[in-house]
Amino acid sequence: MSRRDFSERDIHMALDGELPGDERTAYEAWLEANAEMKAKSARYAADREALRTAFNGVLDEPVPVRLSKVVLGEAPVVRVSPSRSRWWLAAAAAAILAIGGAGGYLAGIGRLGLENTAEDQLAEEAIAAHVIYAAETRHAVEVPASDKDHLQSWLSNQVGLKLVAPDLAAQGFQLVGGRLLPAGQGKAAMLLYEDVKGERISLFVTAESAAKAKGTYGEDDGPEAVYWLDKGYGCAVVGSLPREQLAAVAKSAYGQLLAGLQS
């Protein structure tokens, strides 16, 4: 067959085993000749494995009929209370893994046919990302804290905001690094922090919100998100700390992020 131009879509098809066999050789050659796409392929493969590891306990369970209908567009839109239990995150991941592969999970987590407010979606995406990557060891971040200057400039350019990585040493947390994630129709920056006991918190920042709100989202049996939406951006600080401690960490992080955005 004649050689064709490949794209990022083909990377997902290859990882999902959907790339036609007669295109595989040309695809591999294209990947070897494009360092950026090869790096994306490796990152997506690592994300896929991280998703499967994080939700290994539910991947083989049957997807609830109601949730399958929602994903396939066969159910009406319904409003779900923000107090829904955290099993929903695992069920949603299992459904999307079963239907479309791991690559679409984070991009679709807030749009499974459920009518979410902007703050619900921000908090859910932030918590979902935290659940997946805070548990990771080798692939928790894309850029480590040792390359902090590059991390800040890269994420700033990608998200469209002037981001600084807050210094949370006074709260007992050190920067591990960060990564770029899909969020809504755009992108989000995720910064991961860790204390001496190995407890991790994450900051999730996006420039996609036009809403204005603040609050706390989560349940007692899982991580919580303290979030703000204001001035065209959204920020959520996620962790499993006691609520007062998480709020204090979030206040410090938010103040430094805001100062960076306005500088």
Protein backbone atom coordinates (compact mmCIF):
# COMPACT_ATOMS: atom_id res chain seq x y z
CA MET A 1 0.00 0.00 0.00
CA SER A 2 1.10 3.62 -0.46
CA ARG A 3 2.63 5.34 2.52
CA ARG A 4 0.26 7.74 4.26
CA ASP A 5 0.69 10.47 6.83
CA PHE A 6 0.17 9.29 10.39
CA SER A 7 -1.14 11.35 13.30
CA GLU A 8 -1.66 11.25 17.05
CA ARG A 9 -4.90 9.37 16.42
CA ASP A 10 -2.88 6.50 14.98
CA ILE A 11 -0.87 6.30 18.21
CA HIS A 12 -4.07 5.61 20.13
CA MET A 13 -5.19 3.10 17.49
CA ALA A 14 -1.85 1.29 17.72
CA LEU A 15 -1.99 1.14 21.52
CA ASP A 16 -5.56 -0.15 21.37
CA GLY A 17 -4.66 -2.80 18.78
CA GLU A 18 -6.85 -1.17 16.14
CA LEU A 19 -4.16 -0.12 13.63
CA PRO A 20 -4.42 -2.27 10.46
CA GLY A 21 -1.65 -4.84 10.28
CA ASP A 22 -0.53 -3.76 6.83
CA GLU A 23 0.14 -0.24 8.15
CA ARG A 24 2.20 -1.34 11.12
CA THR A 25 5.62 -1.26 9.44
CA ALA A 26 5.08 2.23 8.00
CA TYR A 27 3.69 3.40 11.34
CA GLU A 28 6.74 2.14 13.26
CA ALA A 29 9.04 3.88 10.76
CA TRP A 30 7.05 7.12 11.16
CA LEU A 31 7.30 6.82 14.94
CA GLU A 32 11.07 6.33 14.81
CA ALA A 33 11.42 9.39 12.59
CA ASN A 34 9.33 11.62 14.88
CA ALA A 35 10.87 11.97 18.32
CA GLU A 36 7.95 14.00 19.70
CA MET A 37 5.36 11.44 18.59
CA LYS A 38 7.51 8.59 19.86
CA ALA A 39 7.65 10.30 23.26
CA LYS A 40 3.87 10.75 23.21
CA SER A 41 3.43 7.08 22.40
CA ALA A 42 5.59 6.12 25.38
CA ARG A 43 3.70 8.51 27.63
CA TYR A 44 0.30 7.26 26.51
CA ALA A 45 1.43 3.65 27.01
CA ALA A 46 2.57 4.52 30.54
CA ASP A 47 -0.72 6.30 31.24
CA ARG A 48 -2.64 3.29 29.94
CA GLU A 49 -0.72 0.98 32.26
CA ALA A 50 -1.22 3.38 35.17
CA LEU A 51 -4.97 3.36 34.57
CA ARG A 52 -5.11 -0.41 34.42
CA THR A 53 -3.08 -0.68 37.62
CA ALA A 54 -5.19 1.91 39.44
CA PHE A 55 -8.48 0.25 38.49
CA ASN A 56 -7.35 -3.36 38.30
CA GLY A 57 -9.92 -4.37 40.89
CA VAL A 58 -12.89 -3.37 38.74
CA LEU A 59 -11.75 -3.90 35.15
CA ASP A 60 -13.11 -7.44 34.97
CA GLU A 61 -16.41 -6.58 36.60
CA PRO A 62 -19.41 -6.19 34.26
CA VAL A 63 -20.19 -2.58 33.41
CA PRO A 64 -23.56 -1.55 34.90
CA VAL A 65 -26.23 -1.39 32.18
CA ARG A 66 -27.21 2.14 33.21
CA LEU A 67 -23.64 3.42 32.90
CA SER A 68 -23.12 1.66 29.56
CA LYS A 69 -26.21 3.37 28.19
CA VAL A 70 -24.95 6.75 29.37
CA VAL A 71 -21.56 6.26 27.69
CA LEU A 72 -23.19 5.07 24.46
CA GLY A 73 -25.65 7.98 24.44
CA GLU A 74 -28.70 5.79 25.01
CA ALA A 75 -29.75 7.33 28.32
CA PRO A 76 -31.21 10.76 29.07
CA VAL A 77 -29.08 13.38 30.78
CA VAL A 78 -29.64 13.35 34.53
CA ARG A 79 -28.27 15.48 37.36
CA VAL A 80 -26.31 13.54 39.92
CA SER A 81 -25.71 14.95 43.38
CA PRO A 82 -22.12 15.99 44.17
CA SER A 83 -22.29 13.56 47.10
CA ARG A 84 -22.28 10.51 44.84
CA SER A 85 -19.83 7.90 46.10
CA ARG A 86 -16.33 7.49 44.74
CA TRP A 87 -17.21 4.14 43.17
CA TRP A 88 -18.42 6.22 40.24
CA LEU A 89 -14.85 7.13 39.29
CA ALA A 90 -13.83 3.48 39.10
CA ALA A 91 -16.99 2.47 37.25
CA ALA A 92 -16.53 5.26 34.71
CA ALA A 93 -12.92 4.23 34.13
CA ALA A 94 -13.92 0.60 33.72
CA ALA A 95 -16.61 1.54 31.21
CA ILE A 96 -14.33 3.69 29.08
CA LEU A 97 -11.50 1.15 29.23
CA ALA A 98 -13.93 -1.49 28.02
CA ILE A 99 -15.39 0.67 25.25
CA GLY A 100 -12.58 2.89 24.04
CA GLY A 101 -9.29 2.14 25.75
CA ALA A 102 -7.46 4.00 28.50
CA GLY A 103 -6.51 6.97 26.39
CA GLY A 104 -9.92 8.62 26.63
CA TYR A 105 -10.48 8.28 30.35
CA LEU A 106 -9.31 11.62 31.68
CA ALA A 107 -10.64 13.49 28.69
CA GLY A 108 -14.09 11.98 29.11
CA ILE A 109 -14.47 11.61 32.84
CA GLY A 110 -16.51 14.78 33.18
CA ARG A 111 -18.66 14.22 30.09
CA LEU A 112 -20.34 10.82 30.50
CA GLY A 113 -23.73 12.29 29.75
CA LEU A 114 -23.97 13.67 33.30
CA GLU A 115 -24.93 17.32 33.70
CA ASN A 116 -22.09 18.67 35.83
CA THR A 117 -21.50 22.19 37.02
CA ALA A 118 -18.11 23.70 36.17
CA GLU A 119 -16.88 23.22 39.74
CA ASP A 120 -18.08 19.59 39.84
CA GLN A 121 -16.22 18.83 36.64
CA LEU A 122 -13.03 20.56 37.78
CA ALA A 123 -13.06 18.71 41.12
CA GLU A 124 -13.86 15.33 39.56
CA GLU A 125 -11.14 15.63 36.94
CA ALA A 126 -8.64 16.72 39.59
CA ILE A 127 -9.57 13.84 41.91
CA ALA A 128 -9.48 11.30 39.07
CA ALA A 129 -6.00 12.46 38.06
CA HIS A 130 -4.83 12.33 41.67
CA VAL A 131 -6.17 8.81 42.19
CA ILE A 132 -4.24 7.60 39.15
CA TYR A 133 -0.92 9.41 39.46
CA ALA A 134 -0.44 9.86 43.21
CA ALA A 135 -0.21 6.08 43.48
CA GLU A 136 2.40 5.85 40.73
CA THR A 137 6.09 5.46 41.44
CA ARG A 138 7.95 5.42 38.10
CA HIS A 139 5.47 7.38 35.97
CA ALA A 140 3.87 9.79 38.42
CA VAL A 141 5.22 12.87 36.59
CA GLU A 142 6.49 13.78 33.14
CA VAL A 143 8.96 16.44 34.26
CA PRO A 144 10.70 16.05 37.66
CA ALA A 145 11.24 18.77 40.24
CA SER A 146 14.96 18.75 39.40
CA ASP A 147 13.99 20.52 36.15
CA LYS A 148 11.64 23.00 37.80
CA ASP A 149 12.30 25.95 35.48
CA HIS A 150 11.47 23.90 32.41
CA LEU A 151 8.45 22.39 34.16
CA GLN A 152 6.99 25.81 34.90
CA SER A 153 7.63 27.28 31.45
CA TRP A 154 6.41 24.16 29.63
CA LEU A 155 3.16 23.90 31.58
CA SER A 156 2.61 27.66 31.32
CA ASN A 157 2.90 27.52 27.53
CA GLN A 158 0.69 24.45 27.25
CA VAL A 159 -2.10 25.61 29.55
CA GLY A 160 -1.96 29.28 28.61
CA LEU A 161 -1.35 30.65 32.11
CA LYS A 162 1.78 31.92 33.82
CA LEU A 163 2.22 29.11 36.35
CA VAL A 164 4.58 28.85 39.27
CA ALA A 165 5.07 25.69 41.31
CA PRO A 166 4.14 26.78 44.86
CA ASP A 167 6.71 26.27 47.60
CA LEU A 168 4.93 24.13 50.18
CA ALA A 169 7.96 23.34 52.35
CA ALA A 170 6.40 25.20 55.27
CA GLN A 171 3.47 22.78 55.05
CA GLY A 172 5.83 19.80 54.91
CA PHE A 173 5.58 19.03 51.20
CA GLN A 174 8.24 18.97 48.49
CA LEU A 175 7.62 19.16 44.75
CA VAL A 176 7.90 15.80 42.95
CA GLY A 177 7.23 17.17 39.47
CA GLY A 178 4.35 17.70 37.10
CA ARG A 179 2.55 16.60 33.98
CA LEU A 180 0.14 17.82 31.33
CA LEU A 181 -3.38 16.38 31.24
CA PRO A 182 -6.57 16.86 29.21
CA ALA A 183 -9.34 18.78 30.97
CA GLY A 184 -12.74 19.58 29.51
CA GLN A 185 -12.08 20.93 26.04
CA GLY A 186 -8.56 22.03 26.89
CA LYS A 187 -5.52 21.18 28.99
CA ALA A 188 -4.61 21.10 32.67
CA ALA A 189 -1.35 21.27 34.58
CA MET A 190 -0.90 18.82 37.43
CA LEU A 191 1.79 19.39 40.08
CA LEU A 192 2.53 16.59 42.51
CA TYR A 193 3.94 17.05 46.04
CA GLU A 194 5.05 14.59 48.71
CA ASP A 195 5.88 14.77 52.44
CA VAL A 196 8.47 12.78 54.40
CA LYS A 197 5.90 10.07 55.13
CA GLY A 198 5.17 9.57 51.44
CA GLU A 199 1.76 11.29 51.61
CA ARG A 200 1.00 13.02 48.32
CA ILE A 201 -1.11 15.98 47.31
CA SER A 202 -1.64 17.41 43.84
CA LEU A 203 -2.51 20.74 42.26
CA PHE A 204 -4.70 20.73 39.16
CA VAL A 205 -4.83 23.99 37.21
CA THR A 206 -6.75 24.81 34.03
CA ALA A 207 -7.51 27.94 32.03
CA GLU A 208 -10.81 26.65 30.70
CA SER A 209 -13.31 27.95 33.26
CA ALA A 210 -15.43 31.06 32.92
CA ALA A 211 -17.28 30.35 36.17
CA LYS A 212 -16.62 31.79 39.63
CA ALA A 213 -16.87 29.48 42.63
CA LYS A 214 -14.96 27.95 45.52
CA GLY A 215 -15.54 25.03 47.84
CA THR A 216 -14.65 21.50 48.86
CA TYR A 217 -15.63 18.35 46.98
CA GLY A 218 -15.19 14.73 48.05
CA GLU A 219 -16.18 12.08 50.53
CA ASP A 220 -14.80 10.56 53.70
CA ASP A 221 -13.65 7.38 51.93
CA GLY A 222 -11.49 9.07 49.30
CA PRO A 223 -9.39 12.14 48.46
CA GLU A 224 -10.96 15.58 48.62
CA ALA A 225 -10.53 18.59 46.40
CA VAL A 226 -10.41 22.18 47.62
CA TYR A 227 -11.12 24.26 44.52
CA TRP A 228 -11.39 27.80 43.18
CA LEU A 229 -12.72 29.05 39.84
CA ASP A 230 -12.08 32.70 39.10
CA LYS A 231 -10.72 35.11 36.49
CA GLY A 232 -10.78 32.53 33.67
CA TYR A 233 -8.92 29.72 35.41
CA GLY A 234 -9.64 26.88 37.81
CA CYS A 235 -7.47 25.38 40.54
CA ALA A 236 -8.04 22.31 42.71
CA VAL A 237 -5.78 21.00 45.48
CA VAL A 238 -6.39 17.29 46.08
CA GLY A 239 -5.32 14.98 48.88
CA SER A 240 -6.37 12.64 51.66
CA LEU A 241 -5.19 14.90 54.48
CA PRO A 242 -7.44 15.94 57.37
CA ARG A 243 -9.77 18.61 56.04
CA GLU A 244 -8.27 21.47 58.07
CA GLN A 245 -4.74 20.56 56.98
CA LEU A 246 -5.73 20.23 53.33
CA ALA A 247 -7.46 23.62 53.50
CA ALA A 248 -4.33 25.23 54.95
CA VAL A 249 -2.12 23.71 52.25
CA ALA A 250 -4.60 24.76 49.58
CA LYS A 251 -4.69 28.34 50.90
CA SER A 252 -0.91 28.62 50.66
CA ALA A 253 -0.78 27.01 47.22
CA TYR A 254 -3.59 29.15 45.88
CA GLY A 255 -2.03 32.38 47.16
CA GLN A 256 1.26 31.58 45.43
CA LEU A 257 -0.45 30.51 42.20
CA LEU A 258 -2.49 33.73 42.17
CA ALA A 259 0.61 35.83 42.78
CA GLY A 260 2.34 34.06 39.90
CA LEU A 261 -0.59 34.60 37.57
CA GLN A 262 -0.73 38.31 38.36
CA SER A 263 3.02 38.94 38.19
